[in-house]
PDB file of N, CA and C in Angstrom:
ATOM      1  N   MET A   1       0.845  -1.180   0.000  1.00  0.00           N
ATOM      2  CA  MET A   1       0.000   0.000   0.000  1.00  0.00           C
ATOM      3  C   MET A   1       0.893   1.247   0.000  1.00  0.00           C
ATOM      4  N   THR A   2       0.574   2.186  -0.864  1.00  0.00           N
ATOM      5  CA  THR A   2       1.359   3.419  -0.937  1.00  0.00           C
ATOM      6  C   THR A   2       0.698   4.513  -0.105  1.00  0.00           C
ATOM      7  N   GLU A   3       1.537   5.419   0.375  1.00  0.00           N
ATOM      8  CA  GLU A   3       1.009   6.549   1.140  1.00  0.00           C
ATOM      9  C   GLU A   3       0.323   7.522   0.197  1.00  0.00           C
ATOM     10  N   PRO A   4      -0.800   8.088   0.625  1.00  0.00           N
ATOM     11  CA  PRO A   4      -1.463   9.081  -0.232  1.00  0.00           C
ATOM     12  C   PRO A   4      -0.616  10.342  -0.327  1.00  0.00           C
ATOM     13  N   ALA A   5      -0.721  11.022  -1.446  1.00  0.00           N
ATOM     14  CA  ALA A   5      -0.017  12.290  -1.620  1.00  0.00           C
ATOM     15  C   ALA A   5      -0.571  13.305  -0.636  1.00  0.00           C
ATOM     16  N   LEU A   6       0.263  14.209  -0.191  1.00  0.00           N
ATOM     17  CA  LEU A   6      -0.179  15.221   0.752  1.00  0.00           C
ATOM     18  C   LEU A   6      -1.025  16.296   0.079  1.00  0.00           C
ATOM     19  N   SER A   7      -0.758  16.553  -1.172  1.00  0.00           N
ATOM     20  CA  SER A   7      -1.539  17.528  -1.904  1.00  0.00           C
ATOM     21  C   SER A   7      -2.872  16.908  -2.297  1.00  0.00           C
ATOM     22  N   THR A   8      -3.954  17.660  -2.098  1.00  0.00           N
ATOM     23  CA  THR A   8      -5.258  17.152  -2.510  1.00  0.00           C
ATOM     24  C   THR A   8      -5.768  17.853  -3.764  1.00  0.00           C
ATOM     25  N   THR A   9      -4.940  18.699  -4.347  1.00  0.00           N
ATOM     26  CA  THR A   9      -5.315  19.341  -5.598  1.00  0.00           C
ATOM     27  C   THR A   9      -5.265  18.289  -6.700  1.00  0.00           C
ATOM     28  N   PRO A  10      -6.329  18.172  -7.493  1.00  0.00           N
ATOM     29  CA  PRO A  10      -6.306  17.199  -8.588  1.00  0.00           C
ATOM     30  C   PRO A  10      -5.077  17.398  -9.484  1.00  0.00           C
ATOM     31  N   SER A  11      -4.529  16.308  -9.969  1.00  0.00           N
ATOM     32  CA  SER A  11      -3.283  16.369 -10.730  1.00  0.00           C
ATOM     33  C   SER A  11      -3.401  17.179 -12.022  1.00  0.00           C
ATOM     34  N   ASP A  12      -4.621  17.316 -12.551  1.00  0.00           N
ATOM     35  CA  ASP A  12      -4.787  18.047 -13.806  1.00  0.00           C
ATOM     36  C   ASP A  12      -5.038  19.554 -13.582  1.00  0.00           C
ATOM     37  N   ILE A  13      -4.892  19.999 -12.348  1.00  0.00           N
ATOM     38  CA  ILE A  13      -5.072  21.415 -12.045  1.00  0.00           C
ATOM     39  C   ILE A  13      -3.759  21.970 -11.509  1.00  0.00           C
ATOM     40  N   SER A  14      -3.350  23.095 -12.056  1.00  0.00           N
ATOM     41  CA  SER A  14      -2.153  23.751 -11.541  1.00  0.00           C
ATOM     42  C   SER A  14      -2.529  25.166 -11.114  1.00  0.00           C
ATOM     43  N   LEU A  15      -1.947  25.586 -10.021  1.00  0.00           N
ATOM     44  CA  LEU A  15      -2.218  26.917  -9.500  1.00  0.00           C
ATOM     45  C   LEU A  15      -1.219  27.903 -10.083  1.00  0.00           C
ATOM     46  N   GLU A  16      -1.666  29.124 -10.277  1.00  0.00           N
ATOM     47  CA  GLU A  16      -0.755  30.171 -10.733  1.00  0.00           C
ATOM     48  C   GLU A  16      -1.180  31.496 -10.114  1.00  0.00           C
ATOM     49  N   ALA A  17      -0.205  32.302  -9.771  1.00  0.00           N
ATOM     50  CA  ALA A  17      -0.483  33.618  -9.217  1.00  0.00           C
ATOM     51  C   ALA A  17      -0.902  34.549 -10.350  1.00  0.00           C
ATOM     52  N   ARG A  18      -1.912  35.348 -10.092  1.00  0.00           N
ATOM     53  CA  ARG A  18      -2.390  36.315 -11.083  1.00  0.00           C
ATOM     54  C   ARG A  18      -2.059  37.711 -10.585  1.00  0.00           C
ATOM     55  N   ASN A  19      -1.289  38.425 -11.376  1.00  0.00           N
ATOM     56  CA  ASN A  19      -0.872  39.778 -11.006  1.00  0.00           C
ATOM     57  C   ASN A  19      -1.893  40.769 -11.542  1.00  0.00           C
ATOM     58  N   ARG A  20      -2.920  41.035 -10.738  1.00  0.00           N
ATOM     59  CA  ARG A  20      -4.018  41.914 -11.141  1.00  0.00           C
ATOM     60  C   ARG A  20      -3.847  43.283 -10.503  1.00  0.00           C
ATOM     61  N   SER A  21      -4.397  44.268 -11.150  1.00  0.00           N
ATOM     62  CA  SER A  21      -4.402  45.626 -10.637  1.00  0.00           C
ATOM     63  C   SER A  21      -5.754  46.231 -11.003  1.00  0.00           C
ATOM     64  N   PHE A  22      -6.263  47.126 -10.175  1.00  0.00           N
ATOM     65  CA  PHE A  22      -7.610  47.634 -10.370  1.00  0.00           C
ATOM     66  C   PHE A  22      -7.640  49.158 -10.379  1.00  0.00           C
ATOM     67  N   ALA A  23      -8.535  49.715 -11.178  1.00  0.00           N
ATOM     68  CA  ALA A  23      -8.768  51.162 -11.210  1.00  0.00           C
ATOM     69  C   ALA A  23      -9.694  51.484 -10.042  1.00  0.00           C
ATOM     70  N   LEU A  24      -9.176  52.176  -9.046  1.00  0.00           N
ATOM     71  CA  LEU A  24      -9.919  52.362  -7.800  1.00  0.00           C
ATOM     72  C   LEU A  24     -10.356  53.796  -7.524  1.00  0.00           C
ATOM     73  N   ARG A  25      -9.672  54.750  -8.090  1.00  0.00           N
ATOM     74  CA  ARG A  25      -9.879  56.144  -7.689  1.00  0.00           C
ATOM     75  C   ARG A  25     -11.340  56.584  -7.811  1.00  0.00           C
ATOM     76  N   GLU A  26     -11.945  56.387  -8.938  1.00  0.00           N
ATOM     77  CA  GLU A  26     -13.322  56.850  -9.139  1.00  0.00           C
ATOM     78  C   GLU A  26     -14.319  56.110  -8.241  1.00  0.00           C
ATOM     79  N   PRO A  27     -14.304  54.782  -8.188  1.00  0.00           N
ATOM     80  CA  PRO A  27     -15.288  54.097  -7.333  1.00  0.00           C
ATOM     81  C   PRO A  27     -15.150  54.439  -5.844  1.00  0.00           C
ATOM     82  N   LEU A  28     -13.927  54.603  -5.359  1.00  0.00           N
ATOM     83  CA  LEU A  28     -13.728  54.840  -3.934  1.00  0.00           C
ATOM     84  C   LEU A  28     -14.051  56.264  -3.505  1.00  0.00           C
ATOM     85  N   ALA A  29     -14.249  57.144  -4.456  1.00  0.00           N
ATOM     86  CA  ALA A  29     -14.602  58.526  -4.122  1.00  0.00           C
ATOM     87  C   ALA A  29     -16.050  58.630  -3.634  1.00  0.00           C
ATOM     88  N   GLY A  30     -16.865  57.629  -3.948  1.00  0.00           N
ATOM     89  CA  GLY A  30     -18.276  57.663  -3.550  1.00  0.00           C
ATOM     90  C   GLY A  30     -18.677  56.398  -2.812  1.00  0.00           C
ATOM     91  N   ASP A  31     -19.966  56.250  -2.618  1.00  0.00           N
ATOM     92  CA  ASP A  31     -20.504  55.063  -1.936  1.00  0.00           C
ATOM     93  C   ASP A  31     -20.670  53.940  -2.953  1.00  0.00           C
ATOM     94  N   TRP A  32     -19.604  53.167  -3.105  1.00  0.00           N
ATOM     95  CA  TRP A  32     -19.508  52.161  -4.157  1.00  0.00           C
ATOM     96  C   TRP A  32     -20.382  50.936  -3.886  1.00  0.00           C
ATOM     97  N   HIS A  33     -20.860  50.735  -2.703  1.00  0.00           N
ATOM     98  CA  HIS A  33     -21.668  49.545  -2.378  1.00  0.00           C
ATOM     99  C   HIS A  33     -23.145  49.840  -2.653  1.00  0.00           C
ATOM    100  N   GLY A  34     -23.468  49.968  -3.933  1.00  0.00           N
ATOM    101  CA  GLY A  34     -24.848  50.223  -4.336  1.00  0.00           C
ATOM    102  C   GLY A  34     -25.391  51.551  -3.834  1.00  0.00           C
ATOM    103  N   GLY A  35     -24.498  52.515  -3.593  1.00  0.00           N
ATOM    104  CA  GLY A  35     -24.921  53.806  -3.100  1.00  0.00           C
ATOM    105  C   GLY A  35     -25.274  53.816  -1.617  1.00  0.00           C
ATOM    106  N   ARG A  36     -25.037  52.703  -0.933  1.00  0.00           N
ATOM    107  CA  ARG A  36     -25.387  52.592   0.490  1.00  0.00           C
ATOM    108  C   ARG A  36     -24.202  53.019   1.356  1.00  0.00           C
ATOM    109  N   GLU A  37     -24.389  54.097   2.097  1.00  0.00           N
ATOM    110  CA  GLU A  37     -23.320  54.696   2.880  1.00  0.00           C
ATOM    111  C   GLU A  37     -22.785  53.759   3.968  1.00  0.00           C
ATOM    112  N   PHE A  38     -23.675  53.138   4.742  1.00  0.00           N
ATOM    113  CA  PHE A  38     -23.224  52.282   5.841  1.00  0.00           C
ATOM    114  C   PHE A  38     -22.440  51.079   5.322  1.00  0.00           C
ATOM    115  N   GLN A  39     -22.953  50.375   4.323  1.00  0.00           N
ATOM    116  CA  GLN A  39     -22.268  49.201   3.794  1.00  0.00           C
ATOM    117  C   GLN A  39     -20.915  49.579   3.202  1.00  0.00           C
ATOM    118  N   THR A  40     -20.862  50.700   2.502  1.00  0.00           N
ATOM    119  CA  THR A  40     -19.594  51.172   1.950  1.00  0.00           C
ATOM    120  C   THR A  40     -18.598  51.443   3.072  1.00  0.00           C
ATOM    121  N   ALA A  41     -19.030  52.152   4.101  1.00  0.00           N
ATOM    122  CA  ALA A  41     -18.142  52.477   5.224  1.00  0.00           C
ATOM    123  C   ALA A  41     -17.698  51.214   5.954  1.00  0.00           C
ATOM    124  N   PHE A  42     -18.605  50.254   6.114  1.00  0.00           N
ATOM    125  CA  PHE A  42     -18.272  49.004   6.803  1.00  0.00           C
ATOM    126  C   PHE A  42     -17.173  48.249   6.065  1.00  0.00           C
ATOM    127  N   PHE A  43     -17.346  48.067   4.766  1.00  0.00           N
ATOM    128  CA  PHE A  43     -16.353  47.308   4.005  1.00  0.00           C
ATOM    129  C   PHE A  43     -15.057  48.092   3.812  1.00  0.00           C
ATOM    130  N   ASN A  44     -15.141  49.401   3.731  1.00  0.00           N
ATOM    131  CA  ASN A  44     -13.915  50.197   3.684  1.00  0.00           C
ATOM    132  C   ASN A  44     -13.138  50.040   4.988  1.00  0.00           C
ATOM    133  N   ALA A  45     -13.831  50.094   6.120  1.00  0.00           N
ATOM    134  CA  ALA A  45     -13.169  49.924   7.421  1.00  0.00           C
ATOM    135  C   ALA A  45     -12.570  48.529   7.543  1.00  0.00           C
ATOM    136  N   LEU A  46     -13.279  47.530   7.086  1.00  0.00           N
ATOM    137  CA  LEU A  46     -12.780  46.162   7.125  1.00  0.00           C
ATOM    138  C   LEU A  46     -11.487  46.034   6.308  1.00  0.00           C
ATOM    139  N   SER A  47     -11.450  46.692   5.173  1.00  0.00           N
ATOM    140  CA  SER A  47     -10.276  46.628   4.303  1.00  0.00           C
ATOM    141  C   SER A  47      -9.014  47.150   4.985  1.00  0.00           C
ATOM    142  N   LEU A  48      -9.172  48.071   5.927  1.00  0.00           N
ATOM    143  CA  LEU A  48      -8.002  48.649   6.590  1.00  0.00           C
ATOM    144  C   LEU A  48      -7.182  47.597   7.334  1.00  0.00           C
ATOM    145  N   SER A  49      -7.811  46.515   7.769  1.00  0.00           N
ATOM    146  CA  SER A  49      -7.088  45.472   8.508  1.00  0.00           C
ATOM    147  C   SER A  49      -6.499  44.397   7.600  1.00  0.00           C
ATOM    148  N   PHE A  50      -6.886  44.356   6.351  1.00  0.00           N
ATOM    149  CA  PHE A  50      -6.484  43.247   5.483  1.00  0.00           C
ATOM    150  C   PHE A  50      -4.978  43.126   5.243  1.00  0.00           C
ATOM    151  N   PRO A  51      -4.246  44.206   4.938  1.00  0.00           N
ATOM    152  CA  PRO A  51      -2.819  44.018   4.663  1.00  0.00           C
ATOM    153  C   PRO A  51      -2.063  43.334   5.806  1.00  0.00           C
ATOM    154  N   THR A  52      -2.377  43.664   7.038  1.00  0.00           N
ATOM    155  CA  THR A  52      -1.701  43.034   8.175  1.00  0.00           C
ATOM    156  C   THR A  52      -2.061  41.552   8.253  1.00  0.00           C
ATOM    157  N   GLY A  53      -3.333  41.225   8.070  1.00  0.00           N
ATOM    158  CA  GLY A  53      -3.754  39.823   8.090  1.00  0.00           C
ATOM    159  C   GLY A  53      -3.130  39.024   6.970  1.00  0.00           C
ATOM    160  N   GLU A  54      -3.065  39.612   5.784  1.00  0.00           N
ATOM    161  CA  GLU A  54      -2.460  38.919   4.652  1.00  0.00           C
ATOM    162  C   GLU A  54      -0.967  38.705   4.867  1.00  0.00           C
ATOM    163  N   LYS A  55      -0.305  39.661   5.489  1.00  0.00           N
ATOM    164  CA  LYS A  55       1.116  39.475   5.810  1.00  0.00           C
ATOM    165  C   LYS A  55       1.281  38.311   6.779  1.00  0.00           C
ATOM    166  N   PHE A  56       0.401  38.207   7.742  1.00  0.00           N
ATOM    167  CA  PHE A  56       0.449  37.094   8.691  1.00  0.00           C
ATOM    168  C   PHE A  56       0.303  35.751   7.966  1.00  0.00           C
ATOM    169  N   PHE A  57      -0.649  35.650   7.048  1.00  0.00           N
ATOM    170  CA  PHE A  57      -0.841  34.410   6.278  1.00  0.00           C
ATOM    171  C   PHE A  57       0.429  34.051   5.510  1.00  0.00           C
ATOM    172  N   VAL A  58       0.984  35.040   4.812  1.00  0.00           N
ATOM    173  CA  VAL A  58       2.187  34.819   4.006  1.00  0.00           C
ATOM    174  C   VAL A  58       3.349  34.372   4.887  1.00  0.00           C
ATOM    175  N   ASP A  59       3.582  35.087   5.972  1.00  0.00           N
ATOM    176  CA  ASP A  59       4.689  34.740   6.861  1.00  0.00           C
ATOM    177  C   ASP A  59       4.521  33.339   7.448  1.00  0.00           C
ATOM    178  N   SER A  60       3.291  32.969   7.762  1.00  0.00           N
ATOM    179  CA  SER A  60       3.028  31.639   8.326  1.00  0.00           C
ATOM    180  C   SER A  60       3.345  30.540   7.325  1.00  0.00           C
ATOM    181  N   VAL A  61       2.895  30.706   6.101  1.00  0.00           N
ATOM    182  CA  VAL A  61       3.155  29.690   5.076  1.00  0.00           C
ATOM    183  C   VAL A  61       4.635  29.653   4.723  1.00  0.00           C
ATOM    184  N   LYS A  62       5.261  30.828   4.573  1.00  0.00           N
ATOM    185  CA  LYS A  62       6.691  30.871   4.250  1.00  0.00           C
ATOM    186  C   LYS A  62       7.530  30.168   5.316  1.00  0.00           C
ATOM    187  N   HIS A  63       7.118  30.283   6.561  1.00  0.00           N
ATOM    188  CA  HIS A  63       7.843  29.639   7.655  1.00  0.00           C
ATOM    189  C   HIS A  63       7.911  28.124   7.471  1.00  0.00           C
ATOM    190  N   TYR A  64       6.832  27.536   6.959  1.00  0.00           N
ATOM    191  CA  TYR A  64       6.769  26.081   6.824  1.00  0.00           C
ATOM    192  C   TYR A  64       7.150  25.560   5.435  1.00  0.00           C
ATOM    193  N   LEU A  65       7.378  26.433   4.475  1.00  0.00           N
ATOM    194  CA  LEU A  65       7.744  25.986   3.121  1.00  0.00           C
ATOM    195  C   LEU A  65       8.906  24.990   3.108  1.00  0.00           C
ATOM    196  N   PRO A  66       9.993  25.243   3.839  1.00  0.00           N
ATOM    197  CA  PRO A  66      11.118  24.300   3.780  1.00  0.00           C
ATOM    198  C   PRO A  66      10.793  22.910   4.341  1.00  0.00           C
ATOM    199  N   ARG A  67       9.736  22.792   5.114  1.00  0.00           N
ATOM    200  CA  ARG A  67       9.379  21.503   5.722  1.00  0.00           C
ATOM    201  C   ARG A  67       8.447  20.665   4.858  1.00  0.00           C
ATOM    202  N   ILE A  68       7.969  21.219   3.767  1.00  0.00           N
ATOM    203  CA  ILE A  68       7.018  20.494   2.912  1.00  0.00           C
ATOM    204  C   ILE A  68       7.784  19.544   2.010  1.00  0.00           C
ATOM    205  N   ASP A  69       7.466  18.251   2.139  1.00  0.00           N
ATOM    206  CA  ASP A  69       8.156  17.218   1.356  1.00  0.00           C
ATOM    207  C   ASP A  69       7.510  16.966   0.002  1.00  0.00           C
ATOM    208  N   ASP A  70       6.234  17.123  -0.096  1.00  0.00           N
ATOM    209  CA  ASP A  70       5.502  16.865  -1.329  1.00  0.00           C
ATOM    210  C   ASP A  70       5.776  18.009  -2.309  1.00  0.00           C
ATOM    211  N   PRO A  71       6.414  17.725  -3.465  1.00  0.00           N
ATOM    212  CA  PRO A  71       6.758  18.787  -4.418  1.00  0.00           C
ATOM    213  C   PRO A  71       5.540  19.562  -4.923  1.00  0.00           C
ATOM    214  N   LYS A  72       4.435  18.876  -5.165  1.00  0.00           N
ATOM    215  CA  LYS A  72       3.230  19.559  -5.657  1.00  0.00           C
ATOM    216  C   LYS A  72       2.685  20.492  -4.579  1.00  0.00           C
ATOM    217  N   LEU A  73       2.631  20.020  -3.360  1.00  0.00           N
ATOM    218  CA  LEU A  73       2.141  20.852  -2.263  1.00  0.00           C
ATOM    219  C   LEU A  73       3.089  22.023  -2.010  1.00  0.00           C
ATOM    220  N   GLN A  74       4.385  21.794  -2.123  1.00  0.00           N
ATOM    221  CA  GLN A  74       5.347  22.880  -1.935  1.00  0.00           C
ATOM    222  C   GLN A  74       5.138  23.952  -3.005  1.00  0.00           C
ATOM    223  N   ASN A  75       4.916  23.536  -4.236  1.00  0.00           N
ATOM    224  CA  ASN A  75       4.652  24.488  -5.317  1.00  0.00           C
ATOM    225  C   ASN A  75       3.354  25.243  -5.054  1.00  0.00           C
ATOM    226  N   GLU A  76       2.317  24.541  -4.614  1.00  0.00           N
ATOM    227  CA  GLU A  76       1.042  25.196  -4.322  1.00  0.00           C
ATOM    228  C   GLU A  76       1.209  26.232  -3.211  1.00  0.00           C
ATOM    229  N   ALA A  77       1.972  25.904  -2.204  1.00  0.00           N
ATOM    230  CA  ALA A  77       2.204  26.832  -1.094  1.00  0.00           C
ATOM    231  C   ALA A  77       2.994  28.044  -1.583  1.00  0.00           C
ATOM    232  N   ALA A  78       3.974  27.828  -2.442  1.00  0.00           N
ATOM    233  CA  ALA A  78       4.770  28.935  -2.987  1.00  0.00           C
ATOM    234  C   ALA A  78       3.893  29.850  -3.849  1.00  0.00           C
ATOM    235  N   VAL A  79       2.996  29.271  -4.630  1.00  0.00           N
ATOM    236  CA  VAL A  79       2.079  30.065  -5.448  1.00  0.00           C
ATOM    237  C   VAL A  79       1.128  30.846  -4.543  1.00  0.00           C
ATOM    238  N   PHE A  80       0.673  30.217  -3.461  1.00  0.00           N
ATOM    239  CA  PHE A  80      -0.174  30.921  -2.494  1.00  0.00           C
ATOM    240  C   PHE A  80       0.551  32.156  -1.957  1.00  0.00           C
ATOM    241  N   VAL A  81       1.816  32.006  -1.605  1.00  0.00           N
ATOM    242  CA  VAL A  81       2.596  33.129  -1.091  1.00  0.00           C
ATOM    243  C   VAL A  81       2.649  34.248  -2.132  1.00  0.00           C
ATOM    244  N   GLN A  82       2.920  33.894  -3.380  1.00  0.00           N
ATOM    245  CA  GLN A  82       2.964  34.898  -4.446  1.00  0.00           C
ATOM    246  C   GLN A  82       1.620  35.614  -4.577  1.00  0.00           C
ATOM    247  N   GLN A  83       0.538  34.827  -4.597  1.00  0.00           N
ATOM    248  CA  GLN A  83      -0.788  35.409  -4.785  1.00  0.00           C
ATOM    249  C   GLN A  83      -1.160  36.312  -3.612  1.00  0.00           C
ATOM    250  N   GLU A  84      -0.826  35.902  -2.410  1.00  0.00           N
ATOM    251  CA  GLU A  84      -1.151  36.730  -1.246  1.00  0.00           C
ATOM    252  C   GLU A  84      -0.331  38.016  -1.208  1.00  0.00           C
ATOM    253  N   TYR A  85       0.911  37.975  -1.686  1.00  0.00           N
ATOM    254  CA  TYR A  85       1.685  39.214  -1.803  1.00  0.00           C
ATOM    255  C   TYR A  85       0.966  40.192  -2.735  1.00  0.00           C
ATOM    256  N   ILE A  86       0.504  39.690  -3.861  1.00  0.00           N
ATOM    257  CA  ILE A  86      -0.218  40.526  -4.823  1.00  0.00           C
ATOM    258  C   ILE A  86      -1.518  41.035  -4.190  1.00  0.00           C
ATOM    259  N   HIS A  87      -2.232  40.148  -3.536  1.00  0.00           N
ATOM    260  CA  HIS A  87      -3.494  40.499  -2.890  1.00  0.00           C
ATOM    261  C   HIS A  87      -3.263  41.570  -1.822  1.00  0.00           C
ATOM    262  N   ARG A  88      -2.221  41.393  -1.029  1.00  0.00           N
ATOM    263  CA  ARG A  88      -1.886  42.377   0.008  1.00  0.00           C
ATOM    264  C   ARG A  88      -1.540  43.718  -0.622  1.00  0.00           C
ATOM    265  N   ARG A  89      -0.764  43.698  -1.694  1.00  0.00           N
ATOM    266  CA  ARG A  89      -0.392  44.936  -2.389  1.00  0.00           C
ATOM    267  C   ARG A  89      -1.642  45.692  -2.852  1.00  0.00           C
ATOM    268  N   GLU A  90      -2.606  44.958  -3.416  1.00  0.00           N
ATOM    269  CA  GLU A  90      -3.808  45.607  -3.921  1.00  0.00           C
ATOM    270  C   GLU A  90      -4.678  46.144  -2.787  1.00  0.00           C
ATOM    271  N   HIS A  91      -4.739  45.421  -1.669  1.00  0.00           N
ATOM    272  CA  HIS A  91      -5.488  45.950  -0.526  1.00  0.00           C
ATOM    273  C   HIS A  91      -4.804  47.194   0.045  1.00  0.00           C
ATOM    274  N   GLN A  92      -3.498  47.190   0.082  1.00  0.00           N
ATOM    275  CA  GLN A  92      -2.768  48.372   0.559  1.00  0.00           C
ATOM    276  C   GLN A  92      -3.027  49.551  -0.362  1.00  0.00           C
ATOM    277  N   ARG A  93      -2.975  49.294  -1.657  1.00  0.00           N
ATOM    278  CA  ARG A  93      -3.238  50.354  -2.631  1.00  0.00           C
ATOM    279  C   ARG A  93      -4.678  50.862  -2.500  1.00  0.00           C
ATOM    280  N   TYR A  94      -5.620  49.940  -2.320  1.00  0.00           N
ATOM    281  CA  TYR A  94      -7.021  50.294  -2.087  1.00  0.00           C
ATOM    282  C   TYR A  94      -7.110  51.258  -0.904  1.00  0.00           C
ATOM    283  N   ASN A  95      -6.468  50.885   0.197  1.00  0.00           N
ATOM    284  CA  ASN A  95      -6.526  51.711   1.407  1.00  0.00           C
ATOM    285  C   ASN A  95      -5.902  53.084   1.185  1.00  0.00           C
ATOM    286  N   GLU A  96      -4.800  53.132   0.449  1.00  0.00           N
ATOM    287  CA  GLU A  96      -4.145  54.415   0.173  1.00  0.00           C
ATOM    288  C   GLU A  96      -5.026  55.311  -0.694  1.00  0.00           C
ATOM    289  N   VAL A  97      -5.617  54.734  -1.733  1.00  0.00           N
ATOM    290  CA  VAL A  97      -6.502  55.507  -2.614  1.00  0.00           C
ATOM    291  C   VAL A  97      -7.746  55.944  -1.834  1.00  0.00           C
ATOM    292  N   LEU A  98      -8.279  55.055  -1.014  1.00  0.00           N
ATOM    293  CA  LEU A  98      -9.451  55.373  -0.200  1.00  0.00           C
ATOM    294  C   LEU A  98      -9.159  56.553   0.738  1.00  0.00           C
ATOM    295  N   ALA A  99      -8.028  56.500   1.419  1.00  0.00           N
ATOM    296  CA  ALA A  99      -7.670  57.566   2.360  1.00  0.00           C
ATOM    297  C   ALA A  99      -7.531  58.902   1.631  1.00  0.00           C
ATOM    298  N   GLU A 100      -6.918  58.856   0.473  1.00  0.00           N
ATOM    299  CA  GLU A 100      -6.757  60.089  -0.307  1.00  0.00           C
ATOM    300  C   GLU A 100      -8.113  60.605  -0.789  1.00  0.00           C
ATOM    301  N   ALA A 101      -8.951  59.707  -1.300  1.00  0.00           N
ATOM    302  CA  ALA A 101     -10.256  60.112  -1.841  1.00  0.00           C
ATOM    303  C   ALA A 101     -11.192  60.623  -0.755  1.00  0.00           C
ATOM    304  N   ARG A 102     -11.107  60.029   0.427  1.00  0.00           N
ATOM    305  CA  ARG A 102     -12.027  60.390   1.508  1.00  0.00           C
ATOM    306  C   ARG A 102     -11.424  61.378   2.499  1.00  0.00           C
ATOM    307  N   GLY A 103     -10.132  61.689   2.350  1.00  0.00           N
ATOM    308  CA  GLY A 103      -9.501  62.711   3.156  1.00  0.00           C
ATOM    309  C   GLY A 103      -9.216  62.321   4.596  1.00  0.00           C
ATOM    310  N   PHE A 104      -8.766  61.079   4.812  1.00  0.00           N
ATOM    311  CA  PHE A 104      -8.381  60.718   6.175  1.00  0.00           C
ATOM    312  C   PHE A 104      -6.952  60.211   6.204  1.00  0.00           C
ATOM    313  N   ASP A 105      -6.377  60.201   7.393  1.00  0.00           N
ATOM    314  CA  ASP A 105      -4.987  59.799   7.594  1.00  0.00           C
ATOM    315  C   ASP A 105      -4.926  58.276   7.724  1.00  0.00           C
ATOM    316  N   LEU A 106      -4.348  57.621   6.733  1.00  0.00           N
ATOM    317  CA  LEU A 106      -4.274  56.163   6.727  1.00  0.00           C
ATOM    318  C   LEU A 106      -3.439  55.637   7.887  1.00  0.00           C
ATOM    319  N   GLN A 107      -2.341  56.306   8.202  1.00  0.00           N
ATOM    320  CA  GLN A 107      -1.480  55.847   9.298  1.00  0.00           C
ATOM    321  C   GLN A 107      -2.243  55.834  10.625  1.00  0.00           C
ATOM    322  N   LYS A 108      -2.981  56.883  10.896  1.00  0.00           N
ATOM    323  CA  LYS A 108      -3.768  56.946  12.131  1.00  0.00           C
ATOM    324  C   LYS A 108      -4.881  55.898  12.130  1.00  0.00           C
ATOM    325  N   SER A 109      -5.436  55.627  10.973  1.00  0.00           N
ATOM    326  CA  SER A 109      -6.566  54.701  10.873  1.00  0.00           C
ATOM    327  C   SER A 109      -6.160  53.240  10.997  1.00  0.00           C
ATOM    328  N   THR A 110      -4.886  52.956  10.807  1.00  0.00           N
ATOM    329  CA  THR A 110      -4.444  51.556  10.842  1.00  0.00           C
ATOM    330  C   THR A 110      -3.476  51.266  11.978  1.00  0.00           C
ATOM    331  N   VAL A 111      -3.276  52.201  12.869  1.00  0.00           N
ATOM    332  CA  VAL A 111      -2.276  52.024  13.921  1.00  0.00           C
ATOM    333  C   VAL A 111      -2.545  50.784  14.777  1.00  0.00           C
ATOM    334  N   ARG A 112      -3.783  50.425  15.010  1.00  0.00           N
ATOM    335  CA  ARG A 112      -4.097  49.271  15.846  1.00  0.00           C
ATOM    336  C   ARG A 112      -3.962  47.935  15.125  1.00  0.00           C
ATOM    337  N   THR A 113      -4.002  47.958  13.807  1.00  0.00           N
ATOM    338  CA  THR A 113      -3.935  46.697  13.064  1.00  0.00           C
ATOM    339  C   THR A 113      -2.579  46.451  12.419  1.00  0.00           C
ATOM    340  N   ARG A 114      -1.722  47.467  12.413  1.00  0.00           N
ATOM    341  CA  ARG A 114      -0.424  47.304  11.733  1.00  0.00           C
ATOM    342  C   ARG A 114       0.449  46.284  12.457  1.00  0.00           C
ATOM    343  N   ASP A 115       1.233  45.583  11.666  1.00  0.00           N
ATOM    344  CA  ASP A 115       2.210  44.621  12.181  1.00  0.00           C
ATOM    345  C   ASP A 115       3.321  45.391  12.878  1.00  0.00           C
ATOM    346  N   LYS A 116       3.580  45.066  14.101  1.00  0.00           N
ATOM    347  CA  LYS A 116       4.598  45.776  14.885  1.00  0.00           C
ATOM    348  C   LYS A 116       5.998  45.201  14.672  1.00  0.00           C
ATOM    349  N   THR A 117       6.097  44.091  13.925  1.00  0.00           N
ATOM    350  CA  THR A 117       7.395  43.463  13.723  1.00  0.00           C
ATOM    351  C   THR A 117       8.073  43.927  12.445  1.00  0.00           C
ATOM    352  N   GLY A 118       7.392  44.724  11.639  1.00  0.00           N
ATOM    353  CA  GLY A 118       7.994  45.221  10.415  1.00  0.00           C
ATOM    354  C   GLY A 118       7.480  44.481   9.277  1.00  0.00           C
TER     355      GLY A 118
END
């Protein structure tokens, strides 16, 4: 009996990081959530915490990359790291454009969620 592979991704599927970028300035200047002020403010506030959380995910996976024996799983984890870096970059950019469009200080707004380790 052979040991099952650690990766559960079907063999005919390969993961790849997608380097996407979005035009944000115009939508973020107004209430982009169907014109609803509260929902827009809620999701904008939620976005302020995302870059720190995404950095945590990336750092956690990167920490264990050298311990992964399954080549397919190691590749999937490496692609995840790449994709999360891109995702984090776009959330950071979203927050920067949002702060500029709405006229608030991004540094003050994220002081409680920022990573203190650098």
